[in-house]
């Protein structure tokens, strides 16, 4: 299940013209700002109407809910039908290999093998 609606790219005012402004959204605050006044063709502003449906929120693009895993024992609390494992970045190579082997036995999807 993925979101059927595609959100526009919310660019900061002037972000398309100047590389130094970057693509991080900042709310327009000037009194004459065309974007703040929501004029046509001046870009889109994030509003609550763009929010994803409740059943699709916080899901991985694969459609599964992410569960953070630190060790092999934590794999037992995962429901393989609706949840997928994401190994914490602090887990080393040795323990990561153990987790991957156990996940394969239990038929659990690992999002960052």
C-alpha atoms as a PDB file:
ATOM      1  CA  UNK A   1       0.000   0.000   0.000  1.00  0.00           C
ATOM      2  CA  UNK A   2       1.531   3.240  -1.124  1.00  0.00           C
ATOM      3  CA  UNK A   3       0.136   6.736  -1.139  1.00  0.00           C
ATOM      4  CA  UNK A   4      -1.871   7.220  -4.352  1.00  0.00           C
ATOM      5  CA  UNK A   5      -1.471  10.997  -4.266  1.00  0.00           C
ATOM      6  CA  UNK A   6       1.819  12.594  -5.283  1.00  0.00           C
ATOM      7  CA  UNK A   7       2.860  15.630  -3.269  1.00  0.00           C
ATOM      8  CA  UNK A   8       4.445  18.602  -5.050  1.00  0.00           C
ATOM      9  CA  UNK A   9       8.046  19.493  -4.269  1.00  0.00           C
ATOM     10  CA  UNK A  10       7.748  22.211  -1.619  1.00  0.00           C
ATOM     11  CA  UNK A  11      10.574  24.596  -2.405  1.00  0.00           C
ATOM     12  CA  UNK A  12      11.609  27.528  -0.280  1.00  0.00           C
ATOM     13  CA  UNK A  13      10.759  30.881  -1.883  1.00  0.00           C
ATOM     14  CA  UNK A  14      13.507  31.567  -4.415  1.00  0.00           C
ATOM     15  CA  UNK A  15      14.915  28.052  -3.926  1.00  0.00           C
ATOM     16  CA  UNK A  16      14.610  27.264  -7.627  1.00  0.00           C
ATOM     17  CA  UNK A  17      16.661  30.346  -8.542  1.00  0.00           C
ATOM     18  CA  UNK A  18      19.503  30.242  -6.014  1.00  0.00           C
ATOM     19  CA  UNK A  19      21.437  27.084  -5.152  1.00  0.00           C
ATOM     20  CA  UNK A  20      22.634  28.585  -1.853  1.00  0.00           C
ATOM     21  CA  UNK A  21      19.055  28.678  -0.517  1.00  0.00           C
ATOM     22  CA  UNK A  22      18.764  24.914  -0.844  1.00  0.00           C
ATOM     23  CA  UNK A  23      15.572  22.902  -1.003  1.00  0.00           C
ATOM     24  CA  UNK A  24      14.669  23.014   2.704  1.00  0.00           C
ATOM     25  CA  UNK A  25      11.205  24.515   3.228  1.00  0.00           C
ATOM     26  CA  UNK A  26      10.995  27.874   5.025  1.00  0.00           C
ATOM     27  CA  UNK A  27       7.666  29.625   5.498  1.00  0.00           C
ATOM     28  CA  UNK A  28       7.422  32.921   3.537  1.00  0.00           C
ATOM     29  CA  UNK A  29       6.985  35.905   5.879  1.00  0.00           C
ATOM     30  CA  UNK A  30       7.242  39.082   3.768  1.00  0.00           C
ATOM     31  CA  UNK A  31       4.169  41.346   3.556  1.00  0.00           C
ATOM     32  CA  UNK A  32       4.397  41.475  -0.256  1.00  0.00           C
ATOM     33  CA  UNK A  33       5.269  37.779  -0.686  1.00  0.00           C
ATOM     34  CA  UNK A  34       3.331  36.274  -3.592  1.00  0.00           C
ATOM     35  CA  UNK A  35       3.907  32.761  -2.240  1.00  0.00           C
ATOM     36  CA  UNK A  36       2.536  33.674   1.205  1.00  0.00           C
ATOM     37  CA  UNK A  37      -0.569  35.147  -0.455  1.00  0.00           C
ATOM     38  CA  UNK A  38      -0.935  31.863  -2.413  1.00  0.00           C
ATOM     39  CA  UNK A  39      -0.897  33.483  -5.836  1.00  0.00           C
ATOM     40  CA  UNK A  40      -1.172  31.213  -8.832  1.00  0.00           C
ATOM     41  CA  UNK A  41       2.078  29.860 -10.354  1.00  0.00           C
ATOM     42  CA  UNK A  42       4.239  31.025  -7.406  1.00  0.00           C
ATOM     43  CA  UNK A  43       4.690  27.533  -5.972  1.00  0.00           C
ATOM     44  CA  UNK A  44       2.899  25.373  -3.445  1.00  0.00           C
ATOM     45  CA  UNK A  45       2.886  25.695   0.340  1.00  0.00           C
ATOM     46  CA  UNK A  46       2.572  22.657   2.615  1.00  0.00           C
ATOM     47  CA  UNK A  47      -0.924  22.418   4.112  1.00  0.00           C
ATOM     48  CA  UNK A  48      -2.834  19.794   6.093  1.00  0.00           C
ATOM     49  CA  UNK A  49      -4.643  18.737   2.910  1.00  0.00           C
ATOM     50  CA  UNK A  50      -1.473  17.050   1.610  1.00  0.00           C
ATOM     51  CA  UNK A  51      -1.338  14.699   4.609  1.00  0.00           C
ATOM     52  CA  UNK A  52      -1.370  10.973   3.843  1.00  0.00           C
ATOM     53  CA  UNK A  53      -4.360   8.810   4.832  1.00  0.00           C
ATOM     54  CA  UNK A  54      -4.215   7.501   8.412  1.00  0.00           C
ATOM     55  CA  UNK A  55      -3.631   3.865   7.417  1.00  0.00           C
ATOM     56  CA  UNK A  56      -0.639   4.818   5.229  1.00  0.00           C
ATOM     57  CA  UNK A  57       1.198   7.063   7.695  1.00  0.00           C
ATOM     58  CA  UNK A  58       4.558   5.927   9.163  1.00  0.00           C
ATOM     59  CA  UNK A  59       4.871   3.027   6.709  1.00  0.00           C
ATOM     60  CA  UNK A  60       7.980   2.090   4.760  1.00  0.00           C
ATOM     61  CA  UNK A  61       7.552   2.438   0.956  1.00  0.00           C
ATOM     62  CA  UNK A  62       7.317  -1.374   0.871  1.00  0.00           C
ATOM     63  CA  UNK A  63       4.020  -1.039   2.793  1.00  0.00           C
ATOM     64  CA  UNK A  64       5.370  -2.558   6.015  1.00  0.00           C
ATOM     65  CA  UNK A  65       5.798  -0.997   9.451  1.00  0.00           C
ATOM     66  CA  UNK A  66       9.431  -0.526  10.515  1.00  0.00           C
ATOM     67  CA  UNK A  67      10.675  -2.058  13.789  1.00  0.00           C
ATOM     68  CA  UNK A  68      14.140  -1.070  15.039  1.00  0.00           C
ATOM     69  CA  UNK A  69      16.295  -4.064  16.004  1.00  0.00           C
ATOM     70  CA  UNK A  70      19.413  -4.017  18.205  1.00  0.00           C
ATOM     71  CA  UNK A  71      19.915  -7.759  18.797  1.00  0.00           C
ATOM     72  CA  UNK A  72      18.742 -11.240  17.768  1.00  0.00           C
ATOM     73  CA  UNK A  73      16.245 -11.545  20.641  1.00  0.00           C
ATOM     74  CA  UNK A  74      14.255  -8.546  19.442  1.00  0.00           C
ATOM     75  CA  UNK A  75      13.376 -10.395  16.201  1.00  0.00           C
ATOM     76  CA  UNK A  76      10.895 -12.533  18.153  1.00  0.00           C
ATOM     77  CA  UNK A  77       8.518  -9.584  18.714  1.00  0.00           C
ATOM     78  CA  UNK A  78       8.060  -8.965  14.955  1.00  0.00           C
ATOM     79  CA  UNK A  79       4.931 -10.015  13.051  1.00  0.00           C
ATOM     80  CA  UNK A  80       6.388 -10.943   9.644  1.00  0.00           C
ATOM     81  CA  UNK A  81       3.130 -10.253   7.797  1.00  0.00           C
ATOM     82  CA  UNK A  82       2.858  -6.529   8.602  1.00  0.00           C
ATOM     83  CA  UNK A  83       6.238  -5.554  10.104  1.00  0.00           C
ATOM     84  CA  UNK A  84       9.804  -5.439   8.781  1.00  0.00           C
ATOM     85  CA  UNK A  85      13.089  -5.232  10.711  1.00  0.00           C
ATOM     86  CA  UNK A  86      15.440  -2.281  10.497  1.00  0.00           C
ATOM     87  CA  UNK A  87      18.850  -2.920  12.086  1.00  0.00           C
ATOM     88  CA  UNK A  88      20.110  -0.056  14.257  1.00  0.00           C
ATOM     89  CA  UNK A  89      23.169   1.794  12.961  1.00  0.00           C
ATOM     90  CA  UNK A  90      25.077   1.047  16.179  1.00  0.00           C
ATOM     91  CA  UNK A  91      25.015  -2.723  15.517  1.00  0.00           C
ATOM     92  CA  UNK A  92      28.383  -4.088  14.376  1.00  0.00           C
ATOM     93  CA  UNK A  93      29.173  -6.398  11.469  1.00  0.00           C
ATOM     94  CA  UNK A  94      29.360  -9.609  13.531  1.00  0.00           C
ATOM     95  CA  UNK A  95      25.989  -9.160  15.246  1.00  0.00           C
ATOM     96  CA  UNK A  96      24.426  -7.849  12.009  1.00  0.00           C
ATOM     97  CA  UNK A  97      25.300 -11.138  10.256  1.00  0.00           C
ATOM     98  CA  UNK A  98      23.691 -13.105  13.118  1.00  0.00           C
ATOM     99  CA  UNK A  99      20.535 -10.995  12.883  1.00  0.00           C
ATOM    100  CA  UNK A 100      20.335 -11.499   9.098  1.00  0.00           C
ATOM    101  CA  UNK A 101      20.669 -15.304   9.448  1.00  0.00           C
ATOM    102  CA  UNK A 102      17.973 -15.477  12.137  1.00  0.00           C
ATOM    103  CA  UNK A 103      15.665 -13.163  10.137  1.00  0.00           C
ATOM    104  CA  UNK A 104      16.026 -15.396   7.081  1.00  0.00           C
ATOM    105  CA  UNK A 105      15.046 -18.455   9.180  1.00  0.00           C
ATOM    106  CA  UNK A 106      12.001 -16.630  10.580  1.00  0.00           C
ATOM    107  CA  UNK A 107      11.093 -15.219   7.106  1.00  0.00           C
ATOM    108  CA  UNK A 108      11.323 -11.620   8.327  1.00  0.00           C
ATOM    109  CA  UNK A 109      12.142  -8.889   5.817  1.00  0.00           C
ATOM    110  CA  UNK A 110      15.174  -6.755   6.728  1.00  0.00           C
ATOM    111  CA  UNK A 111      15.033  -3.233   5.286  1.00  0.00           C
ATOM    112  CA  UNK A 112      18.769  -2.450   5.583  1.00  0.00           C
ATOM    113  CA  UNK A 113      20.734  -5.719   5.224  1.00  0.00           C
END
